[in-house]
């Protein structure tokens, strides 16, 4: 085993999970984490709820503080950017607070994450236009929406971390009365709720015919109905070409091929792109655009690993490489790599792309293959059924409609995926389907699962079991 340190590039979910596990498993070997920014180990998924005000302080979104990292034996160096990697000599070049230097490594983890993209939409540089990928974005957005007296660094809870200049800039601007959200995915739907909390006139633009495309048409239609009920104006099938600014450089309109709409602010949430440029010439990059890895997170270069939003990972159902940007797979892969580098190999696992999202009062979940065309492309003969059932026993107060879609392979009867939407603990029920995918259960085996039952929690036949029963009958 090399005497050189384990070097980690990136101080968020995958990076610090790996460093923490390695430090515990190999306490006699150094681990250094280089993070180019000031924030480390924070909850990306919590940012819409901070903007809304349900999370009071930015620091509430920190999973691990710099002080806690130090206590775990991690040499964490913030505002240190790795600008080059030499995989032959096993050294990285770092731009630090005291100048540039080289750091040798025994093993290297690339956990550089992803970045929000706005192309091909023009005008995102205008005042009042935002993407939401990081806590400084969240701080600026909230400062823009609230009373300036409440928008100080102390009130936002950013402490030494927050970009105080940026937050102060937006706090000094007149708050908007209308906003255009470009993109109807996770962030777009969650931010529609956040903006509505400030009584803004909210317009959501989605290039395709439905929001939450990966959840399927049934979920999309129900969410769209609910968004309209909550006052959100939907512009479905309307691509946005650009954001238009006034003479002062502030957003004044969103421009589509057929019309323009005057707005005071805009938020673009059309996707992410993996940050692979640091090592793209040293390691293989997969067809997804993320770094290719093996079962243990190792890249095509010896002693170089990758995890999190910059790396591919195997799909549970198809077995093919996929790209997933959620927190659990990143944390899990990082932890596994930390253990592997310490000398006890642990696979990074697979992902079924299980995800949940809240749309005002609706909860949505999805996992596996929900698109029939995608299932066919993966070599399956998919069959799908959708049912609606009560979330609790009908006689017990609080029961609500829960709609479940299950997809299975006609030949093997293996469950391939599913989606759920409802207002009463619907989202967590998707975990049953995700577990079935990991175990490669058939529809009949899902139907026979012994799930918990009591009137306050579920009908005798849980909605997932009912969906399996109906799907099995159709097969």
Protein backbone atom coordinates (compact mmCIF):
# COMPACT_ATOMS: atom_id res chain seq x y z
CA UNK A 1 0.00 0.00 0.00
CA UNK A 2 1.29 3.41 -0.93
CA UNK A 3 2.59 5.71 1.78
CA UNK A 4 1.36 8.71 -0.18
CA UNK A 5 -1.98 10.20 0.93
CA UNK A 6 -5.41 9.44 -0.44
CA UNK A 7 -6.32 12.65 -2.27
CA UNK A 8 -9.93 13.61 -2.92
CA UNK A 9 -10.97 16.32 -5.38
CA UNK A 10 -14.31 17.75 -4.25
CA UNK A 11 -15.71 18.23 -0.76
CA UNK A 12 -19.36 17.33 -1.12
CA UNK A 13 -21.35 14.08 -0.80
CA UNK A 14 -19.09 11.55 -2.52
CA UNK A 15 -15.81 13.22 -1.60
CA UNK A 16 -16.33 13.63 2.12
CA UNK A 17 -18.11 10.28 2.45
CA UNK A 18 -15.03 8.64 0.96
CA UNK A 19 -12.65 10.65 3.14
CA UNK A 20 -14.63 9.90 6.31
CA UNK A 21 -14.77 6.16 5.68
CA UNK A 22 -11.11 6.01 4.68
CA UNK A 23 -10.00 7.95 7.75
CA UNK A 24 -11.78 5.48 10.02
CA UNK A 25 -10.61 2.39 8.14
CA UNK A 26 -6.99 3.49 7.62
CA UNK A 27 -6.19 5.92 10.46
CA UNK A 28 -2.43 5.64 9.89
CA UNK A 29 -2.64 7.03 6.35
CA UNK A 30 -3.34 10.66 5.45
CA UNK A 31 -6.38 11.79 3.49
CA UNK A 32 -6.51 15.25 1.90
CA UNK A 33 -9.66 16.80 0.45
CA UNK A 34 -9.31 19.76 -1.92
CA UNK A 35 -12.47 21.84 -2.38
CA UNK A 36 -12.35 24.84 -4.72
CA UNK A 37 -15.23 26.62 -2.99
CA UNK A 38 -16.09 27.45 0.61
CA UNK A 39 -19.14 25.23 1.08
CA UNK A 40 -18.65 21.54 1.82
CA UNK A 41 -20.94 18.57 2.39
CA UNK A 42 -24.30 20.27 1.94
CA UNK A 43 -27.79 19.17 0.91
CA UNK A 44 -28.45 20.31 -2.66
CA UNK A 45 -31.97 18.92 -2.46
CA UNK A 46 -32.85 21.22 0.44
CA UNK A 47 -32.21 24.47 -1.41
CA UNK A 48 -35.78 25.02 -2.70
CA UNK A 49 -37.04 24.71 0.87
CA UNK A 50 -34.49 27.25 2.08
CA UNK A 51 -35.62 29.66 -0.65
CA UNK A 52 -39.23 29.09 0.41
CA UNK A 53 -38.33 29.76 4.05
CA UNK A 54 -39.18 26.34 5.48
CA UNK A 55 -35.46 25.89 6.23
CA UNK A 56 -34.37 28.95 8.17
CA UNK A 57 -30.58 28.95 7.95
CA UNK A 58 -28.23 28.01 5.13
CA UNK A 59 -26.01 26.22 7.61
CA UNK A 60 -28.94 23.95 8.47
CA UNK A 61 -28.24 22.32 5.09
CA UNK A 62 -24.68 21.32 6.07
CA UNK A 63 -24.19 17.60 6.63
CA UNK A 64 -20.62 17.93 7.86
CA UNK A 65 -18.91 21.13 8.95
CA UNK A 66 -15.20 21.81 8.31
CA UNK A 67 -14.59 21.49 12.05
CA UNK A 68 -16.25 18.06 12.11
CA UNK A 69 -14.17 16.98 9.11
CA UNK A 70 -11.00 17.93 10.96
CA UNK A 71 -12.17 15.99 14.02
CA UNK A 72 -12.49 12.93 11.78
CA UNK A 73 -8.86 13.19 10.77
CA UNK A 74 -9.49 14.71 7.34
CA UNK A 75 -7.12 17.35 6.02
CA UNK A 76 -9.80 19.54 4.41
CA UNK A 77 -8.53 22.46 2.35
CA UNK A 78 -11.24 24.80 1.12
CA UNK A 79 -10.62 27.36 -1.63
CA UNK A 80 -8.06 24.99 -3.12
CA UNK A 81 -8.73 24.09 -6.76
CA UNK A 82 -7.08 21.11 -8.41
CA UNK A 83 -6.22 22.35 -11.91
CA UNK A 84 -4.27 19.39 -13.32
CA UNK A 85 -3.81 15.67 -12.74
CA UNK A 86 -0.78 13.61 -13.78
CA UNK A 87 -1.84 9.97 -13.57
CA UNK A 88 1.64 8.69 -14.59
CA UNK A 89 3.53 10.41 -11.77
CA UNK A 90 0.51 10.36 -9.44
CA UNK A 91 0.50 14.05 -8.65
CA UNK A 92 -2.11 16.81 -8.75
CA UNK A 93 -1.48 20.52 -9.27
CA UNK A 94 -3.40 22.77 -6.90
CA UNK A 95 -4.17 26.48 -6.94
CA UNK A 96 -4.43 27.32 -3.23
CA UNK A 97 -4.83 30.36 -1.07
CA UNK A 98 -1.02 30.68 -0.85
CA UNK A 99 -0.23 29.96 -4.49
CA UNK A 100 0.18 26.93 -6.72
CA UNK A 101 1.78 23.68 -5.59
CA UNK A 102 1.96 19.97 -6.44
CA UNK A 103 0.56 17.25 -4.23
CA UNK A 104 1.57 13.58 -4.72
CA UNK A 105 -1.09 10.92 -4.17
CA UNK A 106 -1.19 7.19 -3.61
CA UNK A 107 -4.83 6.99 -4.69
CA UNK A 108 -7.04 9.70 -6.12
CA UNK A 109 -10.81 10.18 -6.04
CA UNK A 110 -12.36 12.57 -8.54
CA UNK A 111 -15.62 13.85 -7.03
CA UNK A 112 -15.98 17.09 -8.94
CA UNK A 113 -19.77 16.97 -9.17
CA UNK A 114 -21.87 18.64 -11.86
CA UNK A 115 -22.94 22.12 -12.85
CA UNK A 116 -26.23 23.66 -13.90
CA UNK A 117 -26.56 24.32 -17.61
CA UNK A 118 -28.54 27.04 -19.33
CA UNK A 119 -27.57 26.63 -22.98
CA UNK A 120 -29.08 27.10 -25.49
CA UNK A 121 -31.13 29.69 -23.58
CA UNK A 122 -29.65 33.16 -23.72
CA UNK A 123 -29.84 35.85 -21.06
CA UNK A 124 -29.09 33.90 -17.89
CA UNK A 125 -26.44 36.50 -17.04
CA UNK A 126 -29.16 39.16 -16.58
CA UNK A 127 -30.02 40.50 -13.14
CA UNK A 128 -32.98 38.58 -11.81
CA UNK A 129 -32.11 35.40 -13.73
CA UNK A 130 -30.93 32.38 -11.75
CA UNK A 131 -29.97 28.76 -11.83
CA UNK A 132 -30.17 26.80 -8.58
CA UNK A 133 -27.13 24.62 -7.98
CA UNK A 134 -25.42 25.55 -4.76
CA UNK A 135 -26.02 27.41 -1.55
CA UNK A 136 -24.84 30.77 -2.87
CA UNK A 137 -27.53 30.53 -5.57
CA UNK A 138 -30.08 29.78 -2.85
CA UNK A 139 -28.89 32.68 -0.69
CA UNK A 140 -29.09 35.15 -3.59
CA UNK A 141 -32.59 33.97 -4.53
CA UNK A 142 -33.94 34.25 -1.03
CA UNK A 143 -32.31 37.67 -0.53
CA UNK A 144 -34.07 38.79 -3.71
CA UNK A 145 -37.48 37.64 -2.49
CA UNK A 146 -37.59 38.73 1.13
CA UNK A 147 -37.57 42.06 2.94
CA UNK A 148 -34.06 43.60 2.69
CA UNK A 149 -34.02 43.97 6.47
CA UNK A 150 -34.14 40.16 6.71
CA UNK A 151 -31.55 39.51 3.99
CA UNK A 152 -28.34 40.07 5.92
CA UNK A 153 -25.67 37.38 6.04
CA UNK A 154 -26.54 36.81 9.70
CA UNK A 155 -30.24 36.37 8.89
CA UNK A 156 -29.51 33.99 6.01
CA UNK A 157 -27.29 31.94 8.27
CA UNK A 158 -24.38 31.72 5.85
CA UNK A 159 -21.66 32.86 8.24
CA UNK A 160 -18.18 32.79 6.74
CA UNK A 161 -19.30 30.62 3.84
CA UNK A 162 -21.87 32.71 1.99
CA UNK A 163 -21.13 35.01 -0.94
CA UNK A 164 -22.15 38.13 0.99
CA UNK A 165 -21.56 40.52 -1.92
CA UNK A 166 -23.92 38.62 -4.20
CA UNK A 167 -26.58 38.28 -1.53
CA UNK A 168 -26.38 42.01 -0.75
CA UNK A 169 -26.71 42.86 -4.44
CA UNK A 170 -30.02 41.05 -4.76
CA UNK A 171 -31.26 42.21 -1.38
CA UNK A 172 -30.89 45.79 -2.62
CA UNK A 173 -33.01 45.14 -5.72
CA UNK A 174 -36.76 45.55 -5.77
CA UNK A 175 -38.38 42.18 -5.19
CA UNK A 176 -40.14 40.64 -8.21
CA UNK A 177 -43.88 40.24 -8.63
CA UNK A 178 -43.71 37.64 -11.41
CA UNK A 179 -41.32 34.85 -12.35
CA UNK A 180 -40.76 32.48 -15.24
CA UNK A 181 -39.47 29.01 -14.44
CA UNK A 182 -37.80 27.37 -17.43
CA UNK A 183 -37.92 23.61 -17.06
CA UNK A 184 -40.53 21.35 -15.50
CA UNK A 185 -38.29 18.82 -13.80
CA UNK A 186 -37.56 18.39 -10.09
CA UNK A 187 -36.20 21.87 -9.49
CA UNK A 188 -38.83 23.59 -11.61
CA UNK A 189 -41.74 21.96 -9.80
CA UNK A 190 -40.22 22.49 -6.36
CA UNK A 191 -39.42 26.12 -7.11
CA UNK A 192 -42.98 26.75 -8.34
CA UNK A 193 -44.05 26.00 -4.79
CA UNK A 194 -41.26 28.13 -3.32
CA UNK A 195 -42.07 31.19 -5.48
CA UNK A 196 -45.79 30.82 -4.79
CA UNK A 197 -45.06 31.23 -1.08
CA UNK A 198 -44.14 34.85 -1.90
CA UNK A 199 -47.39 35.45 -3.82
CA UNK A 200 -45.57 35.78 -7.12
CA UNK A 201 -47.31 35.30 -10.44
CA UNK A 202 -45.60 32.01 -11.37
CA UNK A 203 -45.24 30.79 -14.96
CA UNK A 204 -43.66 27.40 -15.67
CA UNK A 205 -42.37 26.65 -19.18
CA UNK A 206 -41.78 23.07 -20.28
CA UNK A 207 -40.43 22.22 -23.73
CA UNK A 208 -42.16 18.81 -23.84
CA UNK A 209 -45.81 18.01 -23.28
CA UNK A 210 -45.64 17.18 -19.56
CA UNK A 211 -43.78 18.14 -16.41
CA UNK A 212 -41.74 15.52 -14.55
CA UNK A 213 -41.06 13.59 -17.75
CA UNK A 214 -39.18 10.76 -16.04
CA UNK A 215 -42.20 10.00 -13.84
CA UNK A 216 -44.46 9.21 -16.78
CA UNK A 217 -47.58 10.72 -18.27
CA UNK A 218 -49.97 9.73 -15.47
CA UNK A 219 -47.94 11.48 -12.78
CA UNK A 220 -47.30 14.45 -15.05
CA UNK A 221 -50.97 15.04 -15.75
CA UNK A 222 -51.95 14.85 -12.09
CA UNK A 223 -49.18 17.23 -11.08
CA UNK A 224 -50.14 19.66 -13.83
CA UNK A 225 -53.74 19.73 -12.64
CA UNK A 226 -52.57 20.36 -9.09
CA UNK A 227 -50.14 23.11 -10.11
CA UNK A 228 -52.93 24.93 -11.93
CA UNK A 229 -55.16 24.58 -8.88
CA UNK A 230 -52.43 26.27 -6.84
CA UNK A 231 -52.24 29.22 -9.25
CA UNK A 232 -49.24 28.24 -11.38
CA UNK A 233 -49.65 29.05 -15.08
CA UNK A 234 -48.27 26.24 -17.24
CA UNK A 235 -46.80 26.72 -20.70
CA UNK A 236 -46.46 23.14 -21.93
CA UNK A 237 -44.85 22.38 -25.26
CA UNK A 238 -43.38 25.91 -25.29
CA UNK A 239 -39.58 26.07 -25.64
CA UNK A 240 -37.92 29.21 -24.32
CA UNK A 241 -35.42 30.84 -26.69
CA UNK A 242 -34.03 33.58 -24.48
CA UNK A 243 -34.51 35.88 -21.55
CA UNK A 244 -34.81 39.52 -22.51
CA UNK A 245 -33.40 42.36 -20.42
CA UNK A 246 -34.20 46.02 -20.03
CA UNK A 247 -31.76 48.91 -20.36
CA UNK A 248 -30.53 48.31 -16.81
CA UNK A 249 -29.70 44.68 -17.57
CA UNK A 250 -32.57 43.24 -15.55
CA UNK A 251 -34.92 40.50 -16.76
CA UNK A 252 -38.07 41.94 -18.29
CA UNK A 253 -39.44 39.14 -20.49
CA UNK A 254 -39.17 35.50 -21.50
CA UNK A 255 -39.16 34.96 -25.27
CA UNK A 256 -40.68 31.89 -26.94
CA UNK A 257 -40.99 31.18 -30.69
CA UNK A 258 -44.65 32.25 -30.73
CA UNK A 259 -44.85 34.96 -28.07
CA UNK A 260 -43.20 36.96 -25.29
CA UNK A 261 -44.24 37.17 -21.65
CA UNK A 262 -43.28 40.03 -19.36
CA UNK A 263 -41.77 38.87 -16.06
CA UNK A 264 -39.57 40.39 -13.36
CA UNK A 265 -37.43 37.31 -12.71
CA UNK A 266 -36.53 33.94 -14.17
CA UNK A 267 -35.10 30.67 -12.98
CA UNK A 268 -33.60 28.21 -15.46
CA UNK A 269 -33.65 24.58 -14.37
CA UNK A 270 -33.15 22.57 -17.55
CA UNK A 271 -30.45 20.17 -16.42
CA UNK A 272 -26.93 19.45 -15.24
CA UNK A 273 -23.64 18.53 -16.85
CA UNK A 274 -20.92 16.40 -15.21
CA UNK A 275 -17.64 18.14 -14.40
CA UNK A 276 -15.21 15.81 -16.16
CA UNK A 277 -12.84 18.28 -17.80
CA UNK A 278 -10.14 17.88 -15.12
CA UNK A 279 -9.40 14.27 -16.10
CA UNK A 280 -11.17 13.80 -19.46
CA UNK A 281 -7.84 13.25 -21.24
CA UNK A 282 -6.46 10.89 -18.58
CA UNK A 283 -9.44 8.55 -18.04
CA UNK A 284 -12.26 7.12 -20.16
CA UNK A 285 -15.48 9.11 -20.37
CA UNK A 286 -18.64 7.10 -21.06
CA UNK A 287 -21.45 7.66 -23.52
CA UNK A 288 -23.43 9.49 -20.84
CA UNK A 289 -20.75 12.18 -20.71
CA UNK A 290 -19.69 11.16 -17.21
CA UNK A 291 -16.52 9.30 -16.15
CA UNK A 292 -16.63 5.55 -16.78
CA UNK A 293 -15.93 3.36 -13.75
CA UNK A 294 -15.87 -0.32 -12.83
CA UNK A 295 -17.85 -2.03 -10.05
CA UNK A 296 -15.53 -0.56 -7.43
CA UNK A 297 -15.48 2.99 -8.74
CA UNK A 298 -12.07 2.75 -10.40
CA UNK A 299 -11.54 4.58 -13.68
CA UNK A 300 -9.43 3.40 -16.63
CA UNK A 301 -6.37 4.89 -14.88
CA UNK A 302 -4.64 2.96 -12.09
CA UNK A 303 -5.31 4.25 -8.57
CA UNK A 304 -7.83 6.83 -9.87
CA UNK A 305 -11.47 6.56 -8.78
CA UNK A 306 -14.56 8.63 -9.54
CA UNK A 307 -17.91 8.98 -7.78
CA UNK A 308 -20.94 11.20 -7.48
CA UNK A 309 -22.34 13.54 -10.10
CA UNK A 310 -19.23 13.34 -12.32
CA UNK A 311 -19.28 9.52 -12.65
CA UNK A 312 -21.37 6.87 -14.31
CA UNK A 313 -22.92 4.02 -12.35
CA UNK A 314 -24.63 0.76 -13.34
CA UNK A 315 -28.42 0.70 -13.76
CA UNK A 316 -30.13 -1.88 -11.54
CA UNK A 317 -32.55 -3.07 -14.23
CA UNK A 318 -30.65 -2.76 -17.50
CA UNK A 319 -27.11 -3.34 -16.28
CA UNK A 320 -25.96 -0.50 -18.55
CA UNK A 321 -24.02 2.57 -17.39
CA UNK A 322 -26.24 5.47 -16.43
CA UNK A 323 -25.74 8.91 -14.94
CA UNK A 324 -27.49 9.72 -11.68
CA UNK A 325 -27.20 12.99 -9.75
CA UNK A 326 -28.96 12.18 -6.48
CA UNK A 327 -27.45 12.25 -3.02
CA UNK A 328 -27.79 8.65 -1.82
CA UNK A 329 -25.86 7.01 -4.70
CA UNK A 330 -23.12 9.64 -4.35
CA UNK A 331 -22.75 9.12 -0.60
CA UNK A 332 -22.90 5.34 -0.97
CA UNK A 333 -20.33 5.22 -3.78
CA UNK A 334 -17.99 7.55 -1.92
CA UNK A 335 -18.17 5.45 1.23
CA UNK A 336 -17.50 2.26 -0.76
CA UNK A 337 -14.46 3.77 -2.47
CA UNK A 338 -13.08 4.97 0.86
CA UNK A 339 -13.28 1.39 2.13
CA UNK A 340 -11.77 -0.02 -1.07
CA UNK A 341 -8.80 2.35 -0.98
CA UNK A 342 -8.28 1.43 2.67
CA UNK A 343 -7.79 -2.18 1.59
CA UNK A 344 -11.20 -3.84 1.95
CA UNK A 345 -12.88 -3.71 -1.50
CA UNK A 346 -16.55 -2.71 -1.54
CA UNK A 347 -18.64 -2.32 -4.74
CA UNK A 348 -20.29 1.03 -5.33
CA UNK A 349 -23.63 -0.65 -6.07
CA UNK A 350 -26.23 0.09 -8.71
CA UNK A 351 -29.01 2.64 -9.11
CA UNK A 352 -32.63 2.17 -10.14
CA UNK A 353 -32.88 5.96 -10.48
CA UNK A 354 -35.35 6.01 -7.61
CA UNK A 355 -36.53 9.54 -6.95
CA UNK A 356 -39.29 11.40 -5.16
CA UNK A 357 -40.55 14.96 -5.44
CA UNK A 358 -43.11 17.14 -3.67
CA UNK A 359 -45.45 19.33 -5.73
CA UNK A 360 -47.40 21.42 -3.21
CA UNK A 361 -49.70 18.79 -1.64
CA UNK A 362 -48.84 15.98 -4.04
CA UNK A 363 -46.08 13.44 -3.50
CA UNK A 364 -44.55 11.68 -6.49
CA UNK A 365 -42.17 8.73 -6.72
CA UNK A 366 -40.58 6.76 -9.52
CA UNK A 367 -38.03 3.98 -9.95
CA UNK A 368 -36.58 1.80 -12.68
CA UNK A 369 -37.93 1.85 -16.23
CA UNK A 370 -41.18 3.79 -16.47
CA UNK A 371 -40.98 4.66 -20.16
CA UNK A 372 -42.09 1.76 -22.36
CA UNK A 373 -39.96 2.82 -25.30
CA UNK A 374 -36.88 2.94 -23.09
CA UNK A 375 -37.75 -0.53 -21.79
CA UNK A 376 -37.99 -1.85 -25.37
CA UNK A 377 -34.66 -0.25 -26.21
CA UNK A 378 -33.18 -2.13 -23.25
CA UNK A 379 -34.36 -5.43 -24.71
CA UNK A 380 -37.57 -6.00 -22.74
CA UNK A 381 -41.15 -6.59 -23.86
CA UNK A 382 -42.85 -4.20 -21.43
CA UNK A 383 -46.42 -4.29 -20.21
CA UNK A 384 -47.87 -1.64 -17.91
CA UNK A 385 -50.94 -1.13 -15.75
CA UNK A 386 -52.14 1.86 -13.72
CA UNK A 387 -54.52 1.63 -10.74
CA UNK A 388 -55.93 4.08 -8.22
CA UNK A 389 -56.58 2.94 -4.64
CA UNK A 390 -57.00 4.44 -1.18
CA UNK A 391 -53.94 5.19 0.91
CA UNK A 392 -55.64 3.89 4.10
CA UNK A 393 -58.68 1.81 4.94
CA UNK A 394 -61.69 3.55 3.44
CA UNK A 395 -63.42 3.97 6.79
CA UNK A 396 -60.37 5.56 8.42
CA UNK A 397 -60.04 9.38 8.22
CA UNK A 398 -57.40 10.79 5.92
CA UNK A 399 -57.51 8.23 3.13
CA UNK A 400 -56.57 9.74 -0.23
CA UNK A 401 -56.36 8.52 -3.79
CA UNK A 402 -53.01 6.94 -4.61
CA UNK A 403 -52.23 6.16 -8.24
CA UNK A 404 -49.67 3.46 -8.98
CA UNK A 405 -48.21 2.44 -12.33
CA UNK A 406 -46.18 -0.76 -12.59
CA UNK A 407 -44.13 -1.90 -15.57
CA UNK A 408 -43.00 -5.51 -16.09
CA UNK A 409 -41.38 -7.67 -18.75
CA UNK A 410 -43.97 -9.88 -20.45
CA UNK A 411 -41.55 -12.77 -21.02
CA UNK A 412 -39.97 -13.10 -17.57
CA UNK A 413 -42.68 -11.24 -15.58
CA UNK A 414 -39.89 -9.38 -13.82
CA UNK A 415 -40.88 -5.97 -12.46
CA UNK A 416 -39.02 -3.27 -14.40
CA UNK A 417 -40.20 -0.06 -12.75
CA UNK A 418 -43.06 2.00 -11.44
CA UNK A 419 -44.38 5.38 -10.42
CA UNK A 420 -46.69 6.66 -7.67
CA UNK A 421 -48.58 9.90 -7.07
CA UNK A 422 -50.90 10.91 -4.23
CA UNK A 423 -51.25 13.22 -1.26
CA UNK A 424 -51.04 10.80 1.68
CA UNK A 425 -47.57 9.27 2.12
CA UNK A 426 -47.51 8.23 -1.51
CA UNK A 427 -43.85 8.89 -2.26
CA UNK A 428 -42.35 6.52 0.31
CA UNK A 429 -44.33 3.62 -1.15
CA UNK A 430 -42.02 3.68 -4.18
CA UNK A 431 -39.36 2.13 -1.95
CA UNK A 432 -41.26 -1.17 -2.10
CA UNK A 433 -40.94 -1.15 -5.89
CA UNK A 434 -37.28 -0.12 -5.74
CA UNK A 435 -36.56 -3.06 -3.42
CA UNK A 436 -38.38 -5.38 -5.81
CA UNK A 437 -36.14 -4.18 -8.64
CA UNK A 438 -32.97 -4.83 -6.64
CA UNK A 439 -34.19 -8.34 -5.83
CA UNK A 440 -35.35 -8.96 -9.43
CA UNK A 441 -38.80 -9.95 -8.19
CA UNK A 442 -41.56 -11.00 -10.54
CA UNK A 443 -44.99 -9.41 -10.50
CA UNK A 444 -46.36 -12.46 -8.69
CA UNK A 445 -43.67 -12.22 -6.03
CA UNK A 446 -44.48 -8.55 -5.46
CA UNK A 447 -48.17 -9.41 -5.16
CA UNK A 448 -47.30 -11.93 -2.43
CA UNK A 449 -45.18 -9.51 -0.37
CA UNK A 450 -46.21 -9.38 3.29
CA UNK A 451 -46.52 -5.61 3.69
CA UNK A 452 -47.67 -4.02 6.91
CA UNK A 453 -51.35 -3.29 7.37
CA UNK A 454 -53.39 -1.29 9.86
CA UNK A 455 -56.25 1.12 9.03
CA UNK A 456 -54.29 4.34 9.81
CA UNK A 457 -51.48 3.32 7.47
CA UNK A 458 -52.80 1.23 4.60
CA UNK A 459 -55.75 -0.76 3.31
CA UNK A 460 -55.42 -4.54 3.53
CA UNK A 461 -54.18 -4.50 -0.06
CA UNK A 462 -51.53 -1.79 -0.19
CA UNK A 463 -51.80 0.20 -3.46
CA UNK A 464 -48.52 -1.38 -4.66
CA UNK A 465 -49.93 -4.87 -4.06
CA UNK A 466 -53.14 -3.94 -5.84
CA UNK A 467 -51.16 -2.71 -8.83
CA UNK A 468 -49.19 -5.97 -8.91
CA UNK A 469 -52.42 -7.97 -8.70
CA UNK A 470 -53.98 -6.10 -11.64
CA UNK A 471 -50.78 -6.22 -13.72
CA UNK A 472 -50.40 -9.96 -13.12
CA UNK A 473 -53.99 -10.54 -14.21
CA UNK A 474 -53.34 -8.73 -17.48
CA UNK A 475 -50.28 -10.84 -18.21
